[in-house]
Amino acid sequence: MTYKQIAVITLDDIHTDNVYTYGSEIHMEEGGFHFKNPLMPPSRPIFKGSSRYNYQGNRRSPELPLLTPEKPYKLEVVARTVPTNRFYLKLAFSNRQCEVIGQNFQRSDSDSFTCPKGTFTYTITLYGAGCEQVVFERFVLFEEDGICPIVIEEKVPASYAPLERPSFLQLVEPLLETNEEKKG
């Protein structure tokens, strides 16, 4: 199965409604988003990104790209935690009435999911699972590449005489020129 990269999601701006700020040390560096809170309770959301915002109310654009319903995707996260591997992701899919119609939990660095039918918007939430520090670099979103390569096993000559043309060229036969037409 092959995947095609469609988005790289980084945290460029910190918005207090997206990040757990109570007693936290938060700063941006070249390596990404640094979060430190040794007293944070487990299973608290550290960061939440959405594919849709009310621009009039929030004055910002969505962090996440739109997804096609019923299509398979793969999400990779590049993050480090102290202690190691103490985070998980929750993908929540909602319909037009803001009702959650599907959820997917990801406990590894890379996992596949399918966007449910009827999805209008979705969120990705990064949760701490007993971690004290998180250095978040990026999410990388891939879609399954549905393009199948065409393999022609026989060697195809560069030109054909009009009577020797194979059947797969019937559709474009009126567009083809023969050597005799070029000479005349």
N, C-alpha and C. Protein backbone atom coordinates (compact mmCIF):
# COMPACT_ATOMS: atom_id res chain seq x y z
N MET A 1 0.84 -1.17 0.00
CA MET A 1 0.00 0.00 0.00
C MET A 1 0.90 1.24 0.00
N THR A 2 0.63 2.14 -0.90
CA THR A 2 1.44 3.35 -0.99
C THR A 2 0.62 4.53 -0.51
N TYR A 3 1.31 5.50 0.06
CA TYR A 3 0.66 6.69 0.57
C TYR A 3 1.31 7.93 -0.04
N LYS A 4 0.50 8.96 -0.20
CA LYS A 4 0.97 10.23 -0.74
C LYS A 4 0.81 11.30 0.36
N GLN A 5 1.88 12.03 0.63
CA GLN A 5 1.83 13.07 1.67
C GLN A 5 0.94 14.22 1.21
N ILE A 6 -0.01 14.62 2.08
CA ILE A 6 -0.89 15.73 1.73
C ILE A 6 -0.72 16.94 2.64
N ALA A 7 -0.17 16.76 3.83
CA ALA A 7 -0.02 17.91 4.72
C ALA A 7 1.03 17.64 5.79
N VAL A 8 1.73 18.71 6.16
CA VAL A 8 2.63 18.71 7.32
C VAL A 8 2.10 19.79 8.24
N ILE A 9 1.69 19.39 9.45
CA ILE A 9 1.05 20.31 10.39
C ILE A 9 2.04 20.61 11.51
N THR A 10 2.40 21.87 11.64
CA THR A 10 3.28 22.31 12.73
C THR A 10 2.54 23.35 13.55
N LEU A 11 3.05 23.61 14.72
CA LEU A 11 2.46 24.65 15.57
C LEU A 11 3.26 25.93 15.38
N ASP A 12 2.70 26.84 14.62
CA ASP A 12 3.38 28.11 14.39
C ASP A 12 2.98 29.15 15.43
N ASP A 13 1.73 29.12 15.84
CA ASP A 13 1.22 30.06 16.84
C ASP A 13 0.64 29.27 18.00
N ILE A 14 0.77 29.82 19.19
CA ILE A 14 0.19 29.19 20.37
C ILE A 14 -1.06 29.98 20.75
N HIS A 15 -2.19 29.30 20.77
CA HIS A 15 -3.45 29.91 21.19
C HIS A 15 -3.86 29.26 22.50
N THR A 16 -4.21 30.06 23.47
CA THR A 16 -4.48 29.53 24.80
C THR A 16 -5.69 28.60 24.85
N ASP A 17 -6.61 28.71 23.90
CA ASP A 17 -7.74 27.79 23.91
C ASP A 17 -7.40 26.44 23.29
N ASN A 18 -6.23 26.29 22.69
CA ASN A 18 -5.79 25.03 22.09
C ASN A 18 -4.77 24.28 22.93
N VAL A 19 -4.19 24.92 23.92
CA VAL A 19 -3.07 24.34 24.67
C VAL A 19 -3.39 24.35 26.17
N TYR A 20 -2.98 23.29 26.87
CA TYR A 20 -3.15 23.20 28.31
C TYR A 20 -2.13 24.15 28.96
N THR A 21 -2.61 25.26 29.52
CA THR A 21 -1.71 26.29 30.02
C THR A 21 -1.57 26.35 31.54
N TYR A 22 -2.38 25.64 32.30
CA TYR A 22 -2.36 25.75 33.76
C TYR A 22 -1.06 25.21 34.35
N GLY A 23 -0.19 26.10 34.79
CA GLY A 23 1.09 25.73 35.39
C GLY A 23 2.10 25.20 34.40
N SER A 24 1.91 25.46 33.14
CA SER A 24 2.78 24.91 32.10
C SER A 24 3.82 25.92 31.65
N GLU A 25 5.00 25.42 31.31
CA GLU A 25 6.03 26.21 30.64
C GLU A 25 5.93 25.88 29.16
N ILE A 26 5.61 26.89 28.35
CA ILE A 26 5.42 26.68 26.92
C ILE A 26 6.28 27.67 26.16
N HIS A 27 7.04 27.17 25.20
CA HIS A 27 7.78 28.07 24.33
C HIS A 27 8.03 27.39 22.99
N MET A 28 8.24 28.24 22.00
CA MET A 28 8.52 27.77 20.64
C MET A 28 10.02 27.92 20.40
N GLU A 29 10.60 26.89 19.82
CA GLU A 29 12.00 26.93 19.42
C GLU A 29 12.12 26.36 18.03
N GLU A 30 13.32 26.32 17.52
CA GLU A 30 13.55 25.80 16.18
C GLU A 30 13.14 24.33 16.06
N GLY A 31 13.28 23.58 17.13
CA GLY A 31 12.92 22.17 17.12
C GLY A 31 11.46 21.90 17.26
N GLY A 32 10.65 22.91 17.52
CA GLY A 32 9.20 22.71 17.64
C GLY A 32 8.62 23.36 18.88
N PHE A 33 7.50 22.81 19.30
CA PHE A 33 6.71 23.29 20.42
C PHE A 33 7.15 22.55 21.67
N HIS A 34 7.68 23.30 22.66
CA HIS A 34 8.17 22.70 23.90
C HIS A 34 7.15 22.94 25.00
N PHE A 35 6.75 21.86 25.64
CA PHE A 35 5.73 21.91 26.69
C PHE A 35 6.28 21.18 27.91
N LYS A 36 6.19 21.84 29.08
CA LYS A 36 6.68 21.21 30.31
C LYS A 36 5.69 21.51 31.43
N ASN A 37 5.23 20.43 32.09
CA ASN A 37 4.35 20.56 33.24
C ASN A 37 4.42 19.26 34.04
N PRO A 38 5.30 19.20 35.05
CA PRO A 38 5.46 17.95 35.80
C PRO A 38 4.25 17.61 36.67
N LEU A 39 3.37 18.56 36.93
CA LEU A 39 2.20 18.30 37.78
C LEU A 39 0.91 18.09 36.99
N MET A 40 0.99 18.01 35.67
CA MET A 40 -0.21 17.84 34.87
C MET A 40 -0.79 16.44 35.07
N PRO A 41 -2.10 16.37 35.32
CA PRO A 41 -2.70 15.04 35.48
C PRO A 41 -2.71 14.26 34.17
N PRO A 42 -2.64 12.93 34.25
CA PRO A 42 -2.68 12.13 33.02
C PRO A 42 -4.00 12.30 32.27
N SER A 43 -3.97 12.01 30.99
CA SER A 43 -5.14 12.08 30.10
C SER A 43 -5.72 13.47 29.97
N ARG A 44 -4.88 14.47 30.10
CA ARG A 44 -5.28 15.85 29.82
C ARG A 44 -4.84 16.21 28.42
N PRO A 45 -5.68 16.93 27.67
CA PRO A 45 -5.25 17.33 26.32
C PRO A 45 -4.16 18.40 26.39
N ILE A 46 -3.05 18.15 25.72
CA ILE A 46 -1.95 19.12 25.67
C ILE A 46 -2.18 20.10 24.52
N PHE A 47 -2.60 19.58 23.39
CA PHE A 47 -2.83 20.41 22.21
C PHE A 47 -4.04 19.86 21.45
N LYS A 48 -4.84 20.78 20.87
CA LYS A 48 -5.99 20.37 20.07
C LYS A 48 -6.03 21.22 18.80
N GLY A 49 -6.06 20.55 17.65
CA GLY A 49 -6.15 21.22 16.35
C GLY A 49 -7.45 20.84 15.67
N SER A 50 -8.00 21.76 14.89
CA SER A 50 -9.28 21.52 14.24
C SER A 50 -9.20 21.84 12.75
N SER A 51 -10.11 21.25 12.00
CA SER A 51 -10.18 21.52 10.56
C SER A 51 -11.17 22.63 10.25
N ARG A 52 -11.80 23.20 11.28
CA ARG A 52 -12.79 24.26 11.05
C ARG A 52 -12.87 25.16 12.27
N TYR A 53 -12.85 26.46 12.02
CA TYR A 53 -13.03 27.47 13.07
C TYR A 53 -14.03 28.51 12.60
N ASN A 54 -14.64 29.17 13.54
CA ASN A 54 -15.45 30.33 13.23
C ASN A 54 -14.50 31.52 13.15
N TYR A 55 -14.22 31.97 11.94
CA TYR A 55 -13.24 33.04 11.77
C TYR A 55 -13.67 34.33 12.46
N GLN A 56 -14.97 34.62 12.47
CA GLN A 56 -15.44 35.84 13.13
C GLN A 56 -15.15 35.81 14.62
N GLY A 57 -15.24 34.64 15.22
CA GLY A 57 -15.00 34.53 16.66
C GLY A 57 -13.55 34.34 17.03
N ASN A 58 -12.79 33.62 16.22
CA ASN A 58 -11.42 33.26 16.60
C ASN A 58 -10.33 34.01 15.87
N ARG A 59 -10.65 34.57 14.70
CA ARG A 59 -9.68 35.31 13.88
C ARG A 59 -8.45 34.50 13.53
N ARG A 60 -8.69 33.24 13.13
CA ARG A 60 -7.58 32.41 12.67
C ARG A 60 -8.10 31.33 11.73
N SER A 61 -7.16 30.78 10.99
CA SER A 61 -7.48 29.73 10.03
C SER A 61 -7.32 28.36 10.67
N PRO A 62 -7.98 27.35 10.14
CA PRO A 62 -7.82 25.99 10.68
C PRO A 62 -6.40 25.47 10.50
N GLU A 63 -5.96 24.65 11.44
CA GLU A 63 -4.62 24.05 11.36
C GLU A 63 -4.60 22.80 10.49
N LEU A 64 -5.75 22.14 10.37
CA LEU A 64 -5.82 20.85 9.70
C LEU A 64 -6.47 20.94 8.32
N PRO A 65 -6.01 20.14 7.37
CA PRO A 65 -6.61 20.16 6.03
C PRO A 65 -7.94 19.40 6.01
N LEU A 66 -8.72 19.62 4.97
CA LEU A 66 -9.97 18.89 4.81
C LEU A 66 -9.68 17.46 4.37
N LEU A 67 -10.53 16.53 4.81
CA LEU A 67 -10.40 15.13 4.44
C LEU A 67 -11.61 14.68 3.64
N THR A 68 -11.43 13.70 2.81
CA THR A 68 -12.52 13.13 2.02
C THR A 68 -13.13 11.97 2.80
N PRO A 69 -14.45 11.99 3.04
CA PRO A 69 -15.08 10.88 3.76
C PRO A 69 -14.90 9.55 3.03
N GLU A 70 -14.82 8.49 3.81
CA GLU A 70 -14.67 7.11 3.35
C GLU A 70 -13.35 6.87 2.61
N LYS A 71 -12.36 7.65 2.90
CA LYS A 71 -11.04 7.48 2.28
C LYS A 71 -10.03 7.13 3.36
N PRO A 72 -9.11 6.19 3.08
CA PRO A 72 -8.10 5.83 4.08
C PRO A 72 -6.94 6.83 4.12
N TYR A 73 -6.48 7.09 5.33
CA TYR A 73 -5.38 8.02 5.58
C TYR A 73 -4.41 7.40 6.57
N LYS A 74 -3.24 8.01 6.66
CA LYS A 74 -2.24 7.62 7.66
C LYS A 74 -1.73 8.88 8.32
N LEU A 75 -1.62 8.85 9.64
CA LEU A 75 -1.13 10.00 10.40
C LEU A 75 0.14 9.60 11.14
N GLU A 76 1.19 10.39 10.92
CA GLU A 76 2.45 10.20 11.65
C GLU A 76 2.65 11.40 12.54
N VAL A 77 3.14 11.17 13.73
CA VAL A 77 3.45 12.26 14.65
C VAL A 77 4.93 12.19 14.99
N VAL A 78 5.57 13.36 14.97
CA VAL A 78 6.97 13.46 15.35
C VAL A 78 7.00 14.26 16.65
N ALA A 79 7.17 13.54 17.76
CA ALA A 79 7.18 14.16 19.09
C ALA A 79 8.02 13.30 20.03
N ARG A 80 8.60 13.96 21.01
CA ARG A 80 9.36 13.27 22.05
C ARG A 80 8.76 13.65 23.39
N THR A 81 8.73 12.68 24.30
CA THR A 81 8.20 12.94 25.64
C THR A 81 9.18 12.45 26.69
N VAL A 82 9.05 13.00 27.89
CA VAL A 82 9.80 12.54 29.06
C VAL A 82 8.76 12.14 30.09
N PRO A 83 8.71 10.89 30.50
CA PRO A 83 9.31 9.67 30.01
C PRO A 83 8.88 9.37 28.57
N THR A 84 9.63 8.50 27.90
CA THR A 84 9.40 8.26 26.47
C THR A 84 8.06 7.57 26.21
N ASN A 85 7.51 7.90 25.05
CA ASN A 85 6.26 7.32 24.54
C ASN A 85 5.10 7.42 25.53
N ARG A 86 4.94 8.56 26.13
CA ARG A 86 3.85 8.80 27.08
C ARG A 86 2.87 9.81 26.51
N PHE A 87 2.35 9.52 25.33
CA PHE A 87 1.32 10.36 24.74
C PHE A 87 0.45 9.49 23.85
N TYR A 88 -0.73 10.01 23.50
CA TYR A 88 -1.57 9.38 22.50
C TYR A 88 -2.39 10.45 21.81
N LEU A 89 -2.93 10.10 20.64
CA LEU A 89 -3.72 11.03 19.84
C LEU A 89 -5.16 10.54 19.78
N LYS A 90 -6.06 11.50 19.72
CA LYS A 90 -7.48 11.19 19.52
C LYS A 90 -7.96 11.97 18.30
N LEU A 91 -8.49 11.28 17.31
CA LEU A 91 -9.11 11.91 16.15
C LEU A 91 -10.61 11.79 16.34
N ALA A 92 -11.31 12.91 16.34
CA ALA A 92 -12.77 12.91 16.51
C ALA A 92 -13.39 13.52 15.26
N PHE A 93 -14.31 12.79 14.64
CA PHE A 93 -14.97 13.22 13.42
C PHE A 93 -16.40 13.63 13.73
N SER A 94 -16.82 14.79 13.23
CA SER A 94 -18.16 15.32 13.52
C SER A 94 -18.90 15.60 12.23
N ASN A 95 -20.24 15.57 12.33
CA ASN A 95 -21.07 15.89 11.17
C ASN A 95 -21.44 17.38 11.22
N ARG A 96 -22.35 17.81 10.34
CA ARG A 96 -22.73 19.23 10.26
C ARG A 96 -23.43 19.75 11.51
N GLN A 97 -24.02 18.87 12.30
CA GLN A 97 -24.70 19.26 13.53
C GLN A 97 -23.77 19.20 14.74
N CYS A 98 -22.47 19.07 14.49
CA CYS A 98 -21.43 18.99 15.53
C CYS A 98 -21.59 17.77 16.43
N GLU A 99 -22.18 16.71 15.91
CA GLU A 99 -22.29 15.45 16.63
C GLU A 99 -21.11 14.57 16.25
N VAL A 100 -20.47 13.97 17.24
CA VAL A 100 -19.33 13.10 16.98
C VAL A 100 -19.85 11.81 16.34
N ILE A 101 -19.37 11.52 15.12
CA ILE A 101 -19.82 10.33 14.40
C ILE A 101 -18.74 9.24 14.34
N GLY A 102 -17.56 9.55 14.82
CA GLY A 102 -16.49 8.55 14.85
C GLY A 102 -15.28 9.06 15.60
N GLN A 103 -14.54 8.11 16.19
CA GLN A 103 -13.31 8.45 16.90
C GLN A 103 -12.25 7.41 16.58
N ASN A 104 -11.01 7.84 16.63
CA ASN A 104 -9.89 6.94 16.42
C ASN A 104 -8.81 7.33 17.41
N PHE A 105 -8.30 6.36 18.16
CA PHE A 105 -7.21 6.60 19.10
C PHE A 105 -5.93 6.03 18.53
N GLN A 106 -4.87 6.81 18.59
CA GLN A 106 -3.57 6.39 18.06
C GLN A 106 -2.57 6.44 19.19
N ARG A 107 -1.99 5.28 19.50
CA ARG A 107 -1.04 5.19 20.60
C ARG A 107 0.40 5.00 20.13
N SER A 108 0.61 5.07 18.81
CA SER A 108 1.96 4.91 18.26
C SER A 108 2.31 6.14 17.42
N ASP A 109 3.54 6.16 16.92
CA ASP A 109 3.98 7.28 16.10
C ASP A 109 3.29 7.34 14.75
N SER A 110 2.79 6.21 14.26
CA SER A 110 2.17 6.15 12.94
C SER A 110 1.02 5.15 12.96
N ASP A 111 -0.12 5.57 12.40
CA ASP A 111 -1.28 4.69 12.36
C ASP A 111 -2.19 5.10 11.21
N SER A 112 -2.97 4.15 10.71
CA SER A 112 -3.91 4.41 9.62
C SER A 112 -5.32 4.57 10.18
N PHE A 113 -6.14 5.32 9.46
CA PHE A 113 -7.54 5.49 9.82
C PHE A 113 -8.33 5.79 8.56
N THR A 114 -9.65 5.64 8.66
CA THR A 114 -10.54 5.97 7.56
C THR A 114 -11.50 7.04 8.03
N CYS A 115 -11.63 8.07 7.25
CA CYS A 115 -12.54 9.16 7.57
C CYS A 115 -13.98 8.66 7.38
N PRO A 116 -14.85 8.71 8.42
CA PRO A 116 -16.19 8.16 8.29
C PRO A 116 -17.08 8.94 7.32
N LYS A 117 -18.09 8.24 6.80
CA LYS A 117 -19.06 8.87 5.91
C LYS A 117 -19.84 9.92 6.70
N GLY A 118 -20.07 11.07 6.10
CA GLY A 118 -20.80 12.14 6.76
C GLY A 118 -19.93 13.10 7.55
N THR A 119 -18.62 12.96 7.46
CA THR A 119 -17.71 13.84 8.21
C THR A 119 -17.72 15.24 7.60
N PHE A 120 -17.92 16.23 8.46
CA PHE A 120 -17.89 17.63 8.04
C PHE A 120 -16.65 18.32 8.59
N THR A 121 -16.26 17.96 9.80
CA THR A 121 -15.07 18.54 10.44
C THR A 121 -14.46 17.48 11.36
N TYR A 122 -13.19 17.68 11.71
CA TYR A 122 -12.53 16.75 12.61
C TYR A 122 -11.51 17.49 13.45
N THR A 123 -11.11 16.87 14.55
CA THR A 123 -10.08 17.42 15.43
C THR A 123 -9.04 16.35 15.70
N ILE A 124 -7.81 16.80 15.96
CA ILE A 124 -6.73 15.93 16.42
C ILE A 124 -6.28 16.49 17.76
N THR A 125 -6.32 15.67 18.78
CA THR A 125 -5.96 16.09 20.13
C THR A 125 -4.78 15.25 20.60
N LEU A 126 -3.73 15.94 21.08
CA LEU A 126 -2.56 15.28 21.64
C LEU A 126 -2.74 15.23 23.16
N TYR A 127 -2.77 14.02 23.72
CA TYR A 127 -2.97 13.84 25.15
C TYR A 127 -1.68 13.39 25.81
N GLY A 128 -1.47 13.83 27.03
CA GLY A 128 -0.37 13.34 27.83
C GLY A 128 -0.82 12.10 28.59
N ALA A 129 0.00 11.08 28.61
CA ALA A 129 -0.31 9.85 29.33
C ALA A 129 0.73 9.66 30.43
N GLY A 130 0.81 10.65 31.31
CA GLY A 130 1.78 10.60 32.39
C GLY A 130 3.12 11.20 32.03
N CYS A 131 3.17 12.04 31.03
CA CYS A 131 4.44 12.66 30.65
C CYS A 131 4.62 14.00 31.37
N GLU A 132 5.87 14.39 31.55
CA GLU A 132 6.19 15.67 32.16
C GLU A 132 6.57 16.70 31.12
N GLN A 133 7.17 16.25 30.02
CA GLN A 133 7.61 17.15 28.96
C GLN A 133 7.23 16.57 27.60
N VAL A 134 6.92 17.48 26.67
CA VAL A 134 6.65 17.10 25.29
C VAL A 134 7.37 18.09 24.39
N VAL A 135 8.08 17.56 23.41
CA VAL A 135 8.63 18.39 22.34
C VAL A 135 7.93 17.93 21.08
N PHE A 136 6.98 18.73 20.61
CA PHE A 136 6.19 18.39 19.44
C PHE A 136 6.77 19.10 18.22
N GLU A 137 7.10 18.32 17.19
CA GLU A 137 7.64 18.90 15.96
C GLU A 137 6.57 19.05 14.89
N ARG A 138 5.85 17.92 14.58
CA ARG A 138 4.87 18.02 13.49
C ARG A 138 4.00 16.77 13.41
N PHE A 139 2.84 16.95 12.76
CA PHE A 139 2.01 15.85 12.28
C PHE A 139 2.26 15.77 10.78
N VAL A 140 2.30 14.58 10.22
CA VAL A 140 2.38 14.40 8.77
C VAL A 140 1.20 13.54 8.37
N LEU A 141 0.38 14.06 7.47
CA LEU A 141 -0.84 13.38 7.04
C LEU A 141 -0.65 12.86 5.62
N PHE A 142 -0.97 11.58 5.43
CA PHE A 142 -0.85 10.92 4.13
C PHE A 142 -2.21 10.39 3.73
N GLU A 143 -2.48 10.34 2.42
CA GLU A 143 -3.66 9.66 1.93
C GLU A 143 -3.21 8.46 1.11
N GLU A 144 -4.06 7.43 1.08
CA GLU A 144 -3.72 6.24 0.32
C GLU A 144 -3.72 6.61 -1.16
N ASP A 145 -2.65 6.24 -1.82
CA ASP A 145 -2.51 6.55 -3.24
C ASP A 145 -3.25 5.49 -4.04
N GLY A 146 -4.36 5.88 -4.65
CA GLY A 146 -5.19 4.94 -5.40
C GLY A 146 -4.75 4.76 -6.83
N ILE A 147 -3.65 5.36 -7.22
CA ILE A 147 -3.17 5.25 -8.59
C ILE A 147 -2.41 3.94 -8.74
N CYS A 148 -2.86 3.11 -9.64
CA CYS A 148 -2.19 1.85 -9.92
C CYS A 148 -1.32 2.04 -11.16
N PRO A 149 -0.06 1.73 -11.09
CA PRO A 149 0.78 1.89 -12.28
C PRO A 149 0.39 0.89 -13.36
N ILE A 150 0.46 1.32 -14.60
CA ILE A 150 0.17 0.45 -15.73
C ILE A 150 1.50 -0.17 -16.18
N VAL A 151 1.51 -1.47 -16.22
CA VAL A 151 2.72 -2.19 -16.60
C VAL A 151 2.48 -2.82 -17.96
N ILE A 152 3.28 -2.47 -18.94
CA ILE A 152 3.22 -3.07 -20.26
C ILE A 152 4.40 -4.02 -20.35
N GLU A 153 4.10 -5.28 -20.43
CA GLU A 153 5.15 -6.28 -20.40
C GLU A 153 5.83 -6.46 -21.75
N GLU A 154 5.10 -6.28 -22.84
CA GLU A 154 5.70 -6.48 -24.15
C GLU A 154 6.34 -5.19 -24.63
N LYS A 155 7.38 -5.34 -25.38
CA LYS A 155 8.06 -4.17 -25.93
C LYS A 155 7.23 -3.64 -27.09
N VAL A 156 6.88 -2.36 -27.02
CA VAL A 156 6.02 -1.75 -28.00
C VAL A 156 6.87 -0.97 -28.99
N PRO A 157 6.74 -1.25 -30.30
CA PRO A 157 7.53 -0.49 -31.26
C PRO A 157 7.07 0.95 -31.34
N ALA A 158 7.94 1.81 -31.84
CA ALA A 158 7.65 3.25 -31.90
C ALA A 158 6.61 3.59 -32.96
N SER A 159 6.50 2.80 -34.02
CA SER A 159 5.51 3.09 -35.06
C SER A 159 4.96 1.79 -35.62
N TYR A 160 3.77 1.86 -36.18
CA TYR A 160 3.09 0.71 -36.74
C TYR A 160 2.63 1.04 -38.16
N ALA A 161 2.61 0.04 -39.00
CA ALA A 161 1.96 0.19 -40.30
C ALA A 161 0.46 0.18 -40.06
N PRO A 162 -0.35 0.84 -40.91
CA PRO A 162 -1.79 0.93 -40.66
C PRO A 162 -2.47 -0.42 -40.44
N LEU A 163 -2.06 -1.46 -41.10
CA LEU A 163 -2.71 -2.75 -40.95
C LEU A 163 -2.17 -3.56 -39.77
N GLU A 164 -1.05 -3.14 -39.20
CA GLU A 164 -0.42 -3.87 -38.11
C GLU A 164 -0.68 -3.25 -36.74
N ARG A 165 -1.53 -2.26 -36.65
CA ARG A 165 -1.79 -1.59 -35.37
C ARG A 165 -2.50 -2.52 -34.40
N PRO A 166 -2.06 -2.56 -33.14
CA PRO A 166 -2.74 -3.40 -32.15
C PRO A 166 -4.11 -2.83 -31.77
N SER A 167 -4.93 -3.67 -31.17
CA SER A 167 -6.31 -3.28 -30.86
C SER A 167 -6.38 -2.18 -29.81
N PHE A 168 -5.40 -2.06 -28.91
CA PHE A 168 -5.49 -1.03 -27.87
C PHE A 168 -5.30 0.38 -28.42
N LEU A 169 -4.93 0.52 -29.71
CA LEU A 169 -4.79 1.84 -30.32
C LEU A 169 -6.02 2.27 -31.12
N GLN A 170 -7.09 1.47 -31.07
CA GLN A 170 -8.29 1.79 -31.84
C GLN A 170 -8.88 3.14 -31.45
N LEU A 171 -8.87 3.46 -30.20
CA LEU A 171 -9.48 4.70 -29.73
C LEU A 171 -8.78 5.94 -30.28
N VAL A 172 -7.48 5.88 -30.45
CA VAL A 172 -6.72 7.04 -30.92
C VAL A 172 -6.29 6.92 -32.37
N GLU A 173 -6.79 5.92 -33.07
CA GLU A 173 -6.38 5.67 -34.45
C GLU A 173 -6.57 6.87 -35.37
N PRO A 174 -7.67 7.65 -35.24
CA PRO A 174 -7.80 8.81 -36.13
C PRO A 174 -6.72 9.88 -35.90
N LEU A 175 -6.08 9.86 -34.77
CA LEU A 175 -5.06 10.86 -34.46
C LEU A 175 -3.67 10.45 -34.90
N LEU A 176 -3.50 9.22 -35.27
CA LEU A 176 -2.19 8.71 -35.63
C LEU A 176 -1.85 9.06 -37.08
N GLU A 177 -0.59 9.33 -37.32
CA GLU A 177 -0.10 9.58 -38.67
C GLU A 177 0.78 8.42 -39.07
N THR A 178 0.70 8.04 -40.28
CA THR A 178 1.58 6.97 -40.76
C THR A 178 2.79 7.59 -41.42
N ASN A 179 3.80 6.78 -41.63
CA ASN A 179 5.02 7.27 -42.29
C ASN A 179 4.73 7.76 -43.70
N GLU A 180 3.79 7.13 -44.38
CA GLU A 180 3.44 7.55 -45.73
C GLU A 180 2.81 8.94 -45.73
N GLU A 181 1.97 9.23 -44.72
CA GLU A 181 1.33 10.56 -44.63
C GLU A 181 2.37 11.64 -44.33
N LYS A 182 3.39 11.31 -43.55
CA LYS A 182 4.43 12.29 -43.24
C LYS A 182 5.28 12.61 -44.45
N LYS A 183 5.55 11.61 -45.28
CA LYS A 183 6.39 11.81 -46.46
C LYS A 183 5.67 12.62 -47.54
N GLY A 184 4.33 12.46 -47.63
CA GLY A 184 3.58 13.10 -48.72
C GLY A 184 3.20 14.49 -48.46
